[in-house]
Every structure is written in structure tokens, then in C-alpha cells.
């Protein structure tokens, strides 16, 4: 009889200890509970962006996930369209990124890792990170960047540019210009 009681006590002891540890303290939350939980996940996403019925861009991602007010994306590939056809005029690839909730160009967008961007005029931008600043309406970065336009190449740490890459300012510049 005593062995049977001790057997049940040994089984109940870890359960009692577990509940006593995790039920004390009232308002304590774990790190996992503080992170925004995923609302939705989309695998192999394709999203078409239009403005006034005109195709602007198509975004492809291996995965999109919404957490709180952020939507994260992985293996991002965006095709840009500037005229009325279905042939891309430029594009961007990046390892990952996120966008804040909002509408249109009012959303903060950040992309990271092995970024390669080709503007409609053929300008190429390579960077480790880029962000769309909705306040200034500029593309910005504080990471290492490389800009190639025709035969010219400029490298630096940081960039500010208009969305069309007509006015590009590379910070901490080094590079070569050929005539």
C-alpha cells in the first residue's frame, strides 16, 4: 500500500511543480506571449499591384506572414511595369523584408539581404538593405551600396534616391568614372 501511494506521489510531483511555477505571479508573460502572433501565412505568393487599372508591379515571395501591423516576406522578387504592357521594365530581388500596414505609398517598406534592383532606365543598385521612407518619398539605405549606370559605377555606404532613380545621392562615395 505504501509503495502504491509513493508511486502516485512521484507521478504527481512534477505536474504539481509545473503548475505551481507557471501559475504564480499573476501578470507575468513569457517572451513568446509578447511577440505578435501570426495572423496569416501565404506560401508561394503572387500579388499584383495596379493603379488606376494600370499594372504597376507584381510581387512574388516564397512566403508572406502577417504579425501584428507588419507583413514579412521571404525570397522576394518584384517586377516593375512603367508602360501599358506585361513585359517588366525593371525589378528587385531580396532575401527578405517587411511592410507596415497602411495604404499605397504611405507604408514603410524595408528589404534585406542580397538586394539587386534594376530601374526602368537600366540603372542597377546592389545593397544589403533598402527602405522606402513614406515621409520623404525616398528610397534610403545606410548599408553598403553599389550603383551601376551604363559604364559608370559608384560604391559607398548609404544612399538616398527618388523612386525613379533620377536623383541619386550615394554617401561615403568611392568609385570610378570613365569617359
Foldseek 3Di string as FASTA:
>chain_A
DVVVVVVVCVVCVVVVVVCVVVVPDPPDDDPVVPWFDWPDKDAFDWDWDDDPNATAKIKTFRMWIDGDQKIKGAFIKMFGDDDRDDDGLKIKTAGMWMWGDDDDLQIKIKGAHFIWIAASLGKIKTWGMWIQDSVVQWIKAQTWMWIDDDPWIKIAGMWIAHPRRPDIDHPHIDGDDDD
